[in-house]
């Protein structure tokens, strides 16, 4: 019995232009990749399967009776810590926390806008808490 003939990728004939279109092979690969694309939450859900139970499971925050509310600051388009996380923490803190929203993009909002920087400085220096629902407009990046 003879082994099957080996097909070398370099000598494999290319499909005619009509099959691949103007996109060429990139379009073919993209269509194939779409079939295997995962939802963003799949990795998060499946990454814990089979692991032992965490000795310190995530719990809601239990912070009460603060003289000065905690100041949270987050930009709406933060690629590292999503805005939904900040709103969830603010919800859990209730009266013990205030969320200052930067309407722009990027991780870390302190250096992004003079408005955010001023509000955070006032909080750190004189414990002046911004009003609930406060937000600062986006500033175009320089440079």
N, C-alpha and C. Protein backbone atom coordinates (compact mmCIF):
# COMPACT_ATOMS: atom_id res chain seq x y z
N UNK A 1 0.85 -1.17 0.00
CA UNK A 1 0.00 0.00 0.00
C UNK A 1 0.89 1.24 0.00
N UNK A 2 0.61 2.14 -0.89
CA UNK A 2 1.43 3.33 -1.02
C UNK A 2 0.88 4.46 -0.17
N UNK A 3 1.78 5.29 0.39
CA UNK A 3 1.30 6.42 1.20
C UNK A 3 0.56 7.42 0.33
N UNK A 4 -0.37 8.15 0.93
CA UNK A 4 -1.10 9.15 0.13
C UNK A 4 -0.15 10.22 -0.38
N UNK A 5 -0.50 10.74 -1.54
CA UNK A 5 0.34 11.77 -2.15
C UNK A 5 0.29 13.05 -1.31
N UNK A 6 1.45 13.59 -1.02
CA UNK A 6 1.53 14.79 -0.19
C UNK A 6 1.32 16.01 -1.07
N UNK A 7 0.47 16.90 -0.61
CA UNK A 7 0.22 18.13 -1.36
C UNK A 7 1.03 19.24 -0.74
N UNK A 8 1.88 19.83 -1.51
CA UNK A 8 2.67 20.94 -1.02
C UNK A 8 1.86 22.22 -1.21
N UNK A 9 1.78 23.02 -0.15
CA UNK A 9 0.98 24.24 -0.20
C UNK A 9 1.48 25.21 -1.27
N UNK A 10 2.78 25.19 -1.53
CA UNK A 10 3.31 26.11 -2.53
C UNK A 10 2.91 25.71 -3.94
N UNK A 11 2.64 24.45 -4.18
CA UNK A 11 2.31 24.03 -5.53
C UNK A 11 0.80 23.84 -5.72
N UNK A 12 0.04 24.03 -4.63
CA UNK A 12 -1.41 23.89 -4.75
C UNK A 12 -1.94 25.00 -5.66
N UNK A 13 -2.80 24.65 -6.63
CA UNK A 13 -3.31 25.69 -7.54
C UNK A 13 -4.20 26.68 -6.80
N UNK A 14 -4.11 27.93 -7.21
CA UNK A 14 -4.96 28.97 -6.61
C UNK A 14 -6.34 28.91 -7.24
N UNK A 15 -7.38 29.23 -6.46
CA UNK A 15 -8.71 29.29 -7.06
C UNK A 15 -8.80 30.45 -8.04
N UNK A 16 -9.65 30.32 -9.02
CA UNK A 16 -9.78 31.41 -9.99
C UNK A 16 -10.24 32.70 -9.32
N UNK A 17 -9.95 33.82 -9.96
CA UNK A 17 -10.29 35.14 -9.43
C UNK A 17 -11.78 35.24 -9.12
N UNK A 18 -12.61 34.62 -9.95
CA UNK A 18 -14.06 34.72 -9.75
C UNK A 18 -14.48 34.14 -8.40
N UNK A 19 -13.80 33.14 -7.89
CA UNK A 19 -14.17 32.53 -6.62
C UNK A 19 -13.73 33.38 -5.43
N UNK A 20 -12.56 33.98 -5.52
CA UNK A 20 -12.06 34.74 -4.38
C UNK A 20 -12.44 36.21 -4.45
N UNK A 21 -12.71 36.73 -5.62
CA UNK A 21 -13.10 38.12 -5.76
C UNK A 21 -11.93 39.06 -5.51
N UNK A 22 -12.23 40.32 -5.39
CA UNK A 22 -11.19 41.33 -5.22
C UNK A 22 -10.47 41.18 -3.88
N UNK A 23 -11.12 40.55 -2.91
CA UNK A 23 -10.51 40.40 -1.59
C UNK A 23 -9.41 39.36 -1.59
N UNK A 24 -9.40 38.50 -2.58
CA UNK A 24 -8.38 37.46 -2.64
C UNK A 24 -8.55 36.46 -1.51
N UNK A 25 -7.45 35.91 -1.08
CA UNK A 25 -7.50 34.87 -0.05
C UNK A 25 -7.86 35.42 1.32
N UNK A 26 -7.62 36.71 1.55
CA UNK A 26 -7.96 37.29 2.85
C UNK A 26 -9.46 37.17 3.10
N UNK A 27 -10.27 37.36 2.06
CA UNK A 27 -11.71 37.23 2.21
C UNK A 27 -12.12 35.82 2.56
N UNK A 28 -11.46 34.84 1.96
CA UNK A 28 -11.76 33.44 2.24
C UNK A 28 -11.43 33.13 3.69
N UNK A 29 -10.25 33.57 4.15
CA UNK A 29 -9.87 33.31 5.54
C UNK A 29 -10.81 34.00 6.51
N UNK A 30 -11.25 35.23 6.19
CA UNK A 30 -12.15 35.96 7.07
C UNK A 30 -13.48 35.23 7.20
N UNK A 31 -14.00 34.73 6.09
CA UNK A 31 -15.28 34.00 6.15
C UNK A 31 -15.15 32.75 7.00
N UNK A 32 -14.02 32.06 6.87
CA UNK A 32 -13.81 30.85 7.68
C UNK A 32 -13.67 31.20 9.15
N UNK A 33 -12.97 32.29 9.45
CA UNK A 33 -12.73 32.69 10.84
C UNK A 33 -14.03 33.08 11.53
N UNK A 34 -14.98 33.64 10.80
CA UNK A 34 -16.25 34.03 11.41
C UNK A 34 -16.97 32.85 12.04
N UNK A 35 -16.80 31.68 11.44
CA UNK A 35 -17.48 30.50 11.99
C UNK A 35 -16.95 30.14 13.36
N UNK A 36 -15.69 30.49 13.64
CA UNK A 36 -15.07 30.09 14.89
C UNK A 36 -14.95 31.24 15.88
N UNK A 37 -15.52 32.38 15.55
CA UNK A 37 -15.43 33.54 16.44
C UNK A 37 -16.24 33.25 17.70
N UNK A 38 -15.71 33.67 18.82
CA UNK A 38 -16.36 33.44 20.10
C UNK A 38 -16.99 34.72 20.59
N UNK A 39 -18.02 34.56 21.40
CA UNK A 39 -18.61 35.73 22.04
C UNK A 39 -17.61 36.24 23.09
N UNK A 40 -17.61 37.56 23.37
CA UNK A 40 -16.65 38.10 24.34
C UNK A 40 -16.77 37.47 25.72
N UNK A 41 -17.96 37.06 26.13
CA UNK A 41 -18.12 36.50 27.47
C UNK A 41 -17.79 35.02 27.56
N UNK A 42 -17.53 34.35 26.44
CA UNK A 42 -17.26 32.91 26.48
C UNK A 42 -15.96 32.61 27.20
N UNK A 43 -14.90 33.35 26.91
CA UNK A 43 -13.63 33.08 27.57
C UNK A 43 -13.74 33.28 29.07
N UNK A 44 -14.45 34.32 29.47
CA UNK A 44 -14.58 34.62 30.89
C UNK A 44 -15.34 33.49 31.59
N UNK A 45 -16.38 32.98 30.96
CA UNK A 45 -17.18 31.94 31.59
C UNK A 45 -16.48 30.59 31.59
N UNK A 46 -15.79 30.29 30.52
CA UNK A 46 -15.19 28.96 30.39
C UNK A 46 -13.83 28.86 31.05
N UNK A 47 -13.21 29.98 31.36
CA UNK A 47 -11.86 29.92 31.91
C UNK A 47 -11.84 29.35 33.32
N UNK A 48 -12.96 29.36 34.02
CA UNK A 48 -13.00 28.86 35.40
C UNK A 48 -13.48 27.42 35.48
N UNK A 49 -13.97 26.87 34.40
CA UNK A 49 -14.50 25.51 34.44
C UNK A 49 -13.43 24.53 34.87
N UNK A 50 -13.76 23.68 35.83
CA UNK A 50 -12.85 22.65 36.28
C UNK A 50 -11.88 23.10 37.35
N UNK A 51 -11.84 24.39 37.65
CA UNK A 51 -10.95 24.86 38.70
C UNK A 51 -11.60 24.66 40.07
N UNK A 52 -10.80 24.49 41.12
CA UNK A 52 -11.40 24.36 42.44
C UNK A 52 -12.10 25.65 42.85
N UNK A 53 -13.02 25.55 43.77
CA UNK A 53 -13.78 26.71 44.22
C UNK A 53 -12.83 27.72 44.86
N UNK A 54 -13.03 28.99 44.54
CA UNK A 54 -12.14 30.05 45.03
C UNK A 54 -12.27 30.19 46.54
N UNK A 55 -11.14 30.33 47.25
CA UNK A 55 -11.23 30.50 48.70
C UNK A 55 -11.75 31.88 49.09
N UNK A 56 -11.73 32.81 48.15
CA UNK A 56 -12.22 34.17 48.41
C UNK A 56 -13.13 34.62 47.27
N UNK A 57 -14.34 34.08 47.18
CA UNK A 57 -15.22 34.43 46.06
C UNK A 57 -15.58 35.92 46.07
N UNK A 58 -15.87 36.42 44.87
CA UNK A 58 -16.24 37.82 44.73
C UNK A 58 -17.53 38.10 45.48
N UNK A 59 -17.57 39.21 46.18
CA UNK A 59 -18.75 39.59 46.95
C UNK A 59 -19.04 41.06 46.73
N UNK A 60 -20.28 41.47 47.03
CA UNK A 60 -20.61 42.89 46.97
C UNK A 60 -19.83 43.63 48.05
N UNK A 61 -19.56 44.89 47.78
CA UNK A 61 -18.85 45.72 48.75
C UNK A 61 -19.74 45.99 49.97
N UNK A 62 -19.14 46.02 51.12
CA UNK A 62 -19.87 46.35 52.34
C UNK A 62 -19.15 47.49 53.03
N UNK A 63 -19.43 48.70 52.58
CA UNK A 63 -18.81 49.90 53.14
C UNK A 63 -19.94 50.77 53.66
N UNK A 64 -19.84 51.14 54.93
CA UNK A 64 -20.92 51.92 55.55
C UNK A 64 -20.35 53.05 56.41
N UNK A 65 -21.17 54.05 56.60
CA UNK A 65 -20.93 55.12 57.57
C UNK A 65 -19.62 55.88 57.34
N UNK A 66 -19.34 56.25 56.12
CA UNK A 66 -18.17 57.06 55.85
C UNK A 66 -18.52 58.54 56.01
N UNK A 67 -17.59 59.31 56.55
CA UNK A 67 -17.82 60.75 56.66
C UNK A 67 -17.76 61.41 55.29
N UNK A 68 -16.82 60.95 54.46
CA UNK A 68 -16.66 61.48 53.11
C UNK A 68 -16.79 60.33 52.13
N UNK A 69 -17.70 60.44 51.15
CA UNK A 69 -17.85 59.37 50.16
C UNK A 69 -16.55 59.12 49.38
N UNK A 70 -16.39 57.91 48.90
CA UNK A 70 -15.25 57.54 48.06
C UNK A 70 -15.48 58.11 46.66
N UNK A 71 -14.44 58.71 46.09
CA UNK A 71 -14.55 59.24 44.73
C UNK A 71 -14.03 58.21 43.74
N UNK A 72 -14.87 57.84 42.81
CA UNK A 72 -14.49 56.95 41.71
C UNK A 72 -14.38 57.81 40.46
N UNK A 73 -13.41 57.51 39.62
CA UNK A 73 -13.25 58.23 38.37
C UNK A 73 -13.01 57.22 37.26
N UNK A 74 -13.75 57.35 36.18
CA UNK A 74 -13.60 56.40 35.07
C UNK A 74 -14.03 57.07 33.78
N UNK A 75 -13.35 56.74 32.69
CA UNK A 75 -13.77 57.26 31.38
C UNK A 75 -14.75 56.27 30.76
N UNK A 76 -15.61 56.80 29.95
CA UNK A 76 -16.65 55.96 29.32
C UNK A 76 -16.02 54.94 28.38
N UNK A 77 -14.98 55.32 27.68
CA UNK A 77 -14.35 54.43 26.70
C UNK A 77 -12.99 53.95 27.20
N UNK A 78 -12.99 53.30 28.34
CA UNK A 78 -11.76 52.78 28.94
C UNK A 78 -11.59 51.33 28.49
N UNK A 79 -10.50 51.02 27.77
CA UNK A 79 -10.32 49.66 27.27
C UNK A 79 -9.92 48.65 28.34
N UNK A 80 -9.41 49.12 29.48
CA UNK A 80 -8.93 48.19 30.51
C UNK A 80 -9.96 47.95 31.60
N UNK A 81 -10.56 49.00 32.12
CA UNK A 81 -11.57 48.87 33.16
C UNK A 81 -12.84 49.49 32.63
N UNK A 82 -13.74 48.67 32.16
CA UNK A 82 -14.95 49.14 31.51
C UNK A 82 -15.80 50.04 32.38
N UNK A 83 -16.50 50.95 31.74
CA UNK A 83 -17.35 51.90 32.46
C UNK A 83 -18.44 51.16 33.25
N UNK A 84 -18.89 50.04 32.73
CA UNK A 84 -19.91 49.28 33.45
C UNK A 84 -19.39 48.79 34.80
N UNK A 85 -18.10 48.53 34.90
CA UNK A 85 -17.52 48.13 36.19
C UNK A 85 -17.62 49.28 37.18
N UNK A 86 -17.30 50.49 36.72
CA UNK A 86 -17.33 51.66 37.60
C UNK A 86 -18.76 51.94 38.07
N UNK A 87 -19.72 51.83 37.17
CA UNK A 87 -21.10 52.08 37.58
C UNK A 87 -21.58 51.00 38.56
N UNK A 88 -21.08 49.77 38.38
CA UNK A 88 -21.46 48.70 39.31
C UNK A 88 -20.88 48.97 40.70
N UNK A 89 -19.63 49.40 40.77
CA UNK A 89 -19.02 49.72 42.07
C UNK A 89 -19.75 50.90 42.70
N UNK A 90 -20.07 51.93 41.91
CA UNK A 90 -20.81 53.08 42.44
C UNK A 90 -22.17 52.65 42.97
N UNK A 91 -22.83 51.75 42.29
CA UNK A 91 -24.12 51.24 42.75
C UNK A 91 -23.96 50.52 44.08
N UNK A 92 -22.93 49.70 44.20
CA UNK A 92 -22.70 48.97 45.44
C UNK A 92 -22.34 49.91 46.60
N UNK A 93 -21.62 50.98 46.30
CA UNK A 93 -21.26 51.93 47.36
C UNK A 93 -22.43 52.76 47.83
N UNK A 94 -23.38 53.00 46.92
CA UNK A 94 -24.56 53.80 47.29
C UNK A 94 -24.16 55.20 47.72
N UNK A 95 -24.61 55.62 48.90
CA UNK A 95 -24.30 56.97 49.41
C UNK A 95 -22.84 57.12 49.79
N UNK A 96 -22.12 56.01 49.88
CA UNK A 96 -20.72 56.05 50.29
C UNK A 96 -19.75 56.19 49.11
N UNK A 97 -20.26 56.50 47.94
CA UNK A 97 -19.40 56.66 46.77
C UNK A 97 -20.01 57.58 45.74
N UNK A 98 -19.16 58.26 44.99
CA UNK A 98 -19.59 59.15 43.90
C UNK A 98 -18.73 58.82 42.69
N UNK A 99 -19.37 58.69 41.53
CA UNK A 99 -18.66 58.39 40.29
C UNK A 99 -18.52 59.66 39.47
N UNK A 100 -17.28 60.03 39.17
CA UNK A 100 -16.99 61.14 38.28
C UNK A 100 -16.70 60.54 36.91
N UNK A 101 -17.50 60.89 35.92
CA UNK A 101 -17.39 60.30 34.59
C UNK A 101 -16.64 61.23 33.64
N UNK A 102 -15.62 60.68 32.99
CA UNK A 102 -14.93 61.40 31.92
C UNK A 102 -15.53 60.91 30.61
N UNK A 103 -16.04 61.81 29.79
CA UNK A 103 -16.76 61.46 28.57
C UNK A 103 -15.83 61.05 27.43
N UNK A 104 -14.57 60.86 27.70
CA UNK A 104 -13.60 60.54 26.64
C UNK A 104 -13.16 59.10 26.66
N UNK A 105 -11.92 58.88 26.23
CA UNK A 105 -11.38 57.55 26.02
C UNK A 105 -10.05 57.41 26.75
N UNK A 106 -9.63 56.18 26.90
CA UNK A 106 -8.33 55.90 27.49
C UNK A 106 -8.44 55.40 28.92
N UNK A 107 -7.39 54.73 29.36
CA UNK A 107 -7.34 54.19 30.71
C UNK A 107 -6.69 55.21 31.63
N UNK A 108 -7.32 55.47 32.73
CA UNK A 108 -6.82 56.49 33.66
C UNK A 108 -7.30 57.85 33.22
N UNK A 109 -8.13 58.49 34.00
CA UNK A 109 -8.74 59.74 33.55
C UNK A 109 -8.11 60.99 34.17
N UNK A 110 -7.24 60.85 35.15
CA UNK A 110 -6.71 62.02 35.86
C UNK A 110 -5.99 62.99 34.93
N UNK A 111 -5.13 62.49 34.07
CA UNK A 111 -4.35 63.36 33.19
C UNK A 111 -5.04 63.66 31.86
N UNK A 112 -6.23 63.20 31.68
CA UNK A 112 -6.90 63.36 30.38
C UNK A 112 -7.59 64.72 30.23
N UNK A 113 -8.00 65.32 31.35
CA UNK A 113 -8.81 66.52 31.27
C UNK A 113 -8.55 67.42 32.48
N UNK A 114 -8.45 68.73 32.26
CA UNK A 114 -8.31 69.64 33.40
C UNK A 114 -9.51 69.57 34.34
N UNK A 115 -10.68 69.30 33.80
CA UNK A 115 -11.89 69.18 34.61
C UNK A 115 -11.77 68.02 35.59
N UNK A 116 -11.35 66.86 35.10
CA UNK A 116 -11.19 65.69 35.96
C UNK A 116 -10.08 65.94 36.97
N UNK A 117 -8.98 66.49 36.51
CA UNK A 117 -7.84 66.74 37.39
C UNK A 117 -8.23 67.70 38.52
N UNK A 118 -8.97 68.74 38.22
CA UNK A 118 -9.40 69.70 39.22
C UNK A 118 -10.34 69.05 40.24
N UNK A 119 -11.29 68.24 39.76
CA UNK A 119 -12.24 67.59 40.67
C UNK A 119 -11.52 66.62 41.61
N UNK A 120 -10.57 65.86 41.08
CA UNK A 120 -9.83 64.90 41.92
C UNK A 120 -8.91 65.64 42.89
N UNK A 121 -8.26 66.71 42.42
CA UNK A 121 -7.41 67.49 43.32
C UNK A 121 -8.22 68.09 44.47
N UNK A 122 -9.39 68.63 44.16
CA UNK A 122 -10.26 69.19 45.20
C UNK A 122 -10.66 68.13 46.22
N UNK A 123 -10.91 66.95 45.75
CA UNK A 123 -11.29 65.85 46.64
C UNK A 123 -10.11 65.46 47.54
N UNK A 124 -8.94 65.32 46.95
CA UNK A 124 -7.77 64.87 47.73
C UNK A 124 -7.26 65.94 48.69
N UNK A 125 -7.34 67.21 48.29
CA UNK A 125 -6.80 68.28 49.13
C UNK A 125 -7.79 68.75 50.18
N UNK A 126 -9.03 68.96 49.78
CA UNK A 126 -10.00 69.54 50.72
C UNK A 126 -11.24 68.67 50.95
N UNK A 127 -11.23 67.44 50.48
CA UNK A 127 -12.36 66.50 50.64
C UNK A 127 -13.67 67.05 50.06
N UNK A 128 -13.56 67.87 49.02
CA UNK A 128 -14.74 68.38 48.33
C UNK A 128 -15.19 67.32 47.33
N UNK A 129 -16.38 66.79 47.56
CA UNK A 129 -16.90 65.69 46.73
C UNK A 129 -17.73 66.27 45.59
N UNK A 130 -17.47 65.88 44.34
CA UNK A 130 -18.31 66.34 43.23
C UNK A 130 -19.76 65.87 43.41
N UNK A 131 -20.67 66.56 42.80
CA UNK A 131 -22.08 66.17 42.87
C UNK A 131 -22.29 64.83 42.17
N UNK A 132 -23.26 64.09 42.62
CA UNK A 132 -23.58 62.81 41.97
C UNK A 132 -23.96 63.06 40.52
N UNK A 133 -23.48 62.20 39.65
CA UNK A 133 -23.77 62.34 38.23
C UNK A 133 -22.85 63.32 37.53
N UNK A 134 -21.82 63.81 38.21
CA UNK A 134 -20.89 64.77 37.59
C UNK A 134 -20.13 64.09 36.45
N UNK A 135 -19.88 64.88 35.41
CA UNK A 135 -19.09 64.37 34.31
C UNK A 135 -18.27 65.50 33.71
N UNK A 136 -17.20 65.12 33.05
CA UNK A 136 -16.31 66.07 32.39
C UNK A 136 -16.30 65.77 30.90
N UNK A 137 -16.32 66.79 30.06
CA UNK A 137 -16.32 66.55 28.60
C UNK A 137 -14.99 65.99 28.13
N UNK A 138 -15.03 65.30 27.02
CA UNK A 138 -13.82 64.73 26.42
C UNK A 138 -12.93 65.84 25.88
N UNK A 139 -11.64 65.62 25.96
CA UNK A 139 -10.66 66.55 25.43
C UNK A 139 -9.85 65.82 24.37
N UNK A 140 -9.69 66.44 23.22
CA UNK A 140 -8.92 65.81 22.15
C UNK A 140 -7.47 65.67 22.58
N UNK A 141 -6.85 64.53 22.30
CA UNK A 141 -5.45 64.35 22.70
C UNK A 141 -4.53 65.28 21.92
N UNK A 142 -3.45 65.69 22.55
CA UNK A 142 -2.48 66.55 21.89
C UNK A 142 -1.26 65.74 21.49
N UNK A 143 -0.62 66.16 20.44
CA UNK A 143 0.62 65.51 20.04
C UNK A 143 0.50 64.54 19.01
